[in-house]
Amino acid sequence: MTAVRAAESKKATDIRVLDLRGVTPMADFFILCTGANPRQIQAIAEEAGLRLSERGEHPVSVEGVRNAEWVLADYGDFVFHVFSEKARDYYALDRLWRHAREIPVPAA
């Protein structure tokens, strides 16, 4: 939930956690959220990276920071996605992985 709390702290919207176990071997979880503009998208991704780093978790790879339309940080067991509204609608990961169980995000 560290990445979720980081996204919340930077005012990300439409935060969803998808449980992909049993659906794909790619990752156990996807964390999806949306930022309003490139600057906010970068801030969300950076905050999540900082908080996870403090816990000793480091990404295998990070993509999309420069363009900030879709930032993807792969942490092995989970992948953290920060989208612009346009990119989230276009790539539709929520729909693509509709067979995944959604994990409720408890209030902070």
C-alpha atoms as a PDB file:
ATOM      1  CA  MET A   1       0.000   0.000   0.000  1.00  0.00           C
ATOM      2  CA  THR A   2       3.047   2.284   0.093  1.00  0.00           C
ATOM      3  CA  ALA A   3       2.691   3.209  -3.577  1.00  0.00           C
ATOM      4  CA  VAL A   4      -1.045   3.771  -3.134  1.00  0.00           C
ATOM      5  CA  ARG A   5      -0.483   6.135  -0.200  1.00  0.00           C
ATOM      6  CA  ALA A   6       2.193   7.981  -2.189  1.00  0.00           C
ATOM      7  CA  ALA A   7      -0.232   8.410  -5.095  1.00  0.00           C
ATOM      8  CA  GLU A   8      -2.926   9.656  -2.730  1.00  0.00           C
ATOM      9  CA  SER A   9      -0.526  12.176  -1.207  1.00  0.00           C
ATOM     10  CA  LYS A  10       0.044  13.687  -4.666  1.00  0.00           C
ATOM     11  CA  LYS A  11      -3.692  13.791  -5.448  1.00  0.00           C
ATOM     12  CA  ALA A  12      -3.781  10.943  -7.971  1.00  0.00           C
ATOM     13  CA  THR A  13      -7.283   9.960  -9.027  1.00  0.00           C
ATOM     14  CA  ASP A  14      -9.010   6.694  -9.887  1.00  0.00           C
ATOM     15  CA  ILE A  15      -6.546   4.567  -7.900  1.00  0.00           C
ATOM     16  CA  ARG A  16      -7.112   0.849  -8.413  1.00  0.00           C
ATOM     17  CA  VAL A  17      -5.196  -2.208  -7.269  1.00  0.00           C
ATOM     18  CA  LEU A  18      -5.668  -5.314  -9.402  1.00  0.00           C
ATOM     19  CA  ASP A  19      -4.741  -8.795  -8.153  1.00  0.00           C
ATOM     20  CA  LEU A  20      -3.263 -10.563 -11.180  1.00  0.00           C
ATOM     21  CA  ARG A  21      -2.320 -13.786  -9.394  1.00  0.00           C
ATOM     22  CA  GLY A  22      -3.839 -16.646 -11.346  1.00  0.00           C
ATOM     23  CA  VAL A  23      -4.471 -14.354 -14.328  1.00  0.00           C
ATOM     24  CA  THR A  24      -0.923 -13.803 -15.610  1.00  0.00           C
ATOM     25  CA  PRO A  25       2.633 -14.619 -14.488  1.00  0.00           C
ATOM     26  CA  MET A  26       3.676 -11.065 -15.440  1.00  0.00           C
ATOM     27  CA  ALA A  27       3.172  -9.645 -11.931  1.00  0.00           C
ATOM     28  CA  ASP A  28       1.081 -10.302  -8.842  1.00  0.00           C
ATOM     29  CA  PHE A  29      -0.475  -6.846  -8.742  1.00  0.00           C
ATOM     30  CA  PHE A  30      -1.016  -3.770 -10.877  1.00  0.00           C
ATOM     31  CA  ILE A  31      -1.497  -0.416  -9.210  1.00  0.00           C
ATOM     32  CA  LEU A  32      -3.204   2.013 -11.582  1.00  0.00           C
ATOM     33  CA  CYS A  33      -3.781   5.717 -11.058  1.00  0.00           C
ATOM     34  CA  THR A  34      -4.289   8.900 -13.031  1.00  0.00           C
ATOM     35  CA  GLY A  35      -2.616  12.298 -12.919  1.00  0.00           C
ATOM     36  CA  ALA A  36      -4.041  15.519 -14.317  1.00  0.00           C
ATOM     37  CA  ASN A  37      -0.950  16.707 -16.208  1.00  0.00           C
ATOM     38  CA  PRO A  38       2.675  15.694 -16.920  1.00  0.00           C
ATOM     39  CA  ARG A  39       4.040  17.524 -13.897  1.00  0.00           C
ATOM     40  CA  GLN A  40       1.619  15.781 -11.532  1.00  0.00           C
ATOM     41  CA  ILE A  41       2.247  12.407 -13.188  1.00  0.00           C
ATOM     42  CA  GLN A  42       5.989  12.826 -12.624  1.00  0.00           C
ATOM     43  CA  ALA A  43       5.396  13.932  -9.019  1.00  0.00           C
ATOM     44  CA  ILE A  44       3.231  10.871  -8.306  1.00  0.00           C
ATOM     45  CA  ALA A  45       5.816   8.513  -9.785  1.00  0.00           C
ATOM     46  CA  GLU A  46       8.681  10.206  -7.947  1.00  0.00           C
ATOM     47  CA  GLU A  47       6.859  10.157  -4.598  1.00  0.00           C
ATOM     48  CA  ALA A  48       6.054   6.464  -4.950  1.00  0.00           C
ATOM     49  CA  GLY A  49       9.672   5.725  -5.898  1.00  0.00           C
ATOM     50  CA  LEU A  50      10.973   7.672  -2.910  1.00  0.00           C
ATOM     51  CA  ARG A  51       8.658   6.013  -0.405  1.00  0.00           C
ATOM     52  CA  LEU A  52       9.305   2.544  -1.775  1.00  0.00           C
ATOM     53  CA  SER A  53      13.063   3.175  -1.773  1.00  0.00           C
ATOM     54  CA  GLU A  54      12.844   4.109   1.905  1.00  0.00           C
ATOM     55  CA  ARG A  55      11.369   0.635   2.474  1.00  0.00           C
ATOM     56  CA  GLY A  56      14.211  -0.998   0.539  1.00  0.00           C
ATOM     57  CA  GLU A  57      12.139  -1.634  -2.588  1.00  0.00           C
ATOM     58  CA  HIS A  58      13.688  -0.615  -5.895  1.00  0.00           C
ATOM     59  CA  PRO A  59      12.250  -0.923  -9.399  1.00  0.00           C
ATOM     60  CA  VAL A  60      13.573  -3.376 -11.942  1.00  0.00           C
ATOM     61  CA  SER A  61      12.785  -0.742 -14.570  1.00  0.00           C
ATOM     62  CA  VAL A  62      11.015   2.591 -14.946  1.00  0.00           C
ATOM     63  CA  GLU A  63       9.691   3.882 -18.254  1.00  0.00           C
ATOM     64  CA  GLY A  64       7.885   6.970 -19.478  1.00  0.00           C
ATOM     65  CA  VAL A  65       9.058   9.569 -16.960  1.00  0.00           C
ATOM     66  CA  ARG A  66      10.243  12.031 -19.601  1.00  0.00           C
ATOM     67  CA  ASN A  67       6.986  12.088 -21.604  1.00  0.00           C
ATOM     68  CA  ALA A  68       4.822  11.608 -18.506  1.00  0.00           C
ATOM     69  CA  GLU A  69       1.802  10.261 -20.370  1.00  0.00           C
ATOM     70  CA  TRP A  70       2.204   6.810 -18.855  1.00  0.00           C
ATOM     71  CA  VAL A  71       4.868   6.125 -16.246  1.00  0.00           C
ATOM     72  CA  LEU A  72       5.415   2.436 -15.567  1.00  0.00           C
ATOM     73  CA  ALA A  73       7.580   1.290 -12.653  1.00  0.00           C
ATOM     74  CA  ASP A  74       8.151  -2.478 -12.488  1.00  0.00           C
ATOM     75  CA  TYR A  75       8.919  -3.714  -8.989  1.00  0.00           C
ATOM     76  CA  GLY A  76       8.813  -7.408  -9.907  1.00  0.00           C
ATOM     77  CA  ASP A  77       5.858  -8.507  -7.761  1.00  0.00           C
ATOM     78  CA  PHE A  78       3.871  -5.427  -8.699  1.00  0.00           C
ATOM     79  CA  VAL A  79       3.811  -2.804 -11.423  1.00  0.00           C
ATOM     80  CA  PHE A  80       2.932   0.797 -10.617  1.00  0.00           C
ATOM     81  CA  HIS A  81       1.236   2.683 -13.479  1.00  0.00           C
ATOM     82  CA  VAL A  82       0.594   6.438 -13.541  1.00  0.00           C
ATOM     83  CA  PHE A  83      -1.435   7.573 -16.544  1.00  0.00           C
ATOM     84  CA  SER A  84      -2.718  10.758 -18.070  1.00  0.00           C
ATOM     85  CA  GLU A  85      -6.495  10.525 -18.567  1.00  0.00           C
ATOM     86  CA  LYS A  86      -5.997  10.212 -22.324  1.00  0.00           C
ATOM     87  CA  ALA A  87      -3.429   7.402 -22.009  1.00  0.00           C
ATOM     88  CA  ARG A  88      -5.515   5.536 -19.435  1.00  0.00           C
ATOM     89  CA  ASP A  89      -8.523   5.623 -21.739  1.00  0.00           C
ATOM     90  CA  TYR A  90      -6.450   4.602 -24.753  1.00  0.00           C
ATOM     91  CA  TYR A  91      -4.563   1.667 -23.194  1.00  0.00           C
ATOM     92  CA  ALA A  92      -7.554   0.589 -21.069  1.00  0.00           C
ATOM     93  CA  LEU A  93      -5.631  -1.678 -18.713  1.00  0.00           C
ATOM     94  CA  ASP A  94      -8.654  -1.677 -16.430  1.00  0.00           C
ATOM     95  CA  ARG A  95     -10.623  -3.367 -19.233  1.00  0.00           C
ATOM     96  CA  LEU A  96      -7.744  -5.507 -20.507  1.00  0.00           C
ATOM     97  CA  TRP A  97      -7.263  -7.046 -17.056  1.00  0.00           C
ATOM     98  CA  ARG A  98     -10.972  -7.155 -16.177  1.00  0.00           C
ATOM     99  CA  HIS A  99     -10.628 -10.760 -15.007  1.00  0.00           C
ATOM    100  CA  ALA A 100      -8.303  -9.644 -12.224  1.00  0.00           C
ATOM    101  CA  ARG A 101      -9.810  -9.205  -8.793  1.00  0.00           C
ATOM    102  CA  GLU A 102      -9.827  -5.601  -7.579  1.00  0.00           C
ATOM    103  CA  ILE A 103      -8.316  -5.117  -4.128  1.00  0.00           C
ATOM    104  CA  PRO A 104     -10.226  -2.497  -2.130  1.00  0.00           C
ATOM    105  CA  VAL A 105      -8.030   0.401  -1.084  1.00  0.00           C
ATOM    106  CA  PRO A 106      -8.727   1.141   2.580  1.00  0.00           C
ATOM    107  CA  ALA A 107      -9.006   4.749   3.684  1.00  0.00           C
ATOM    108  CA  ALA A 108      -5.747   6.235   4.932  1.00  0.00           C
END
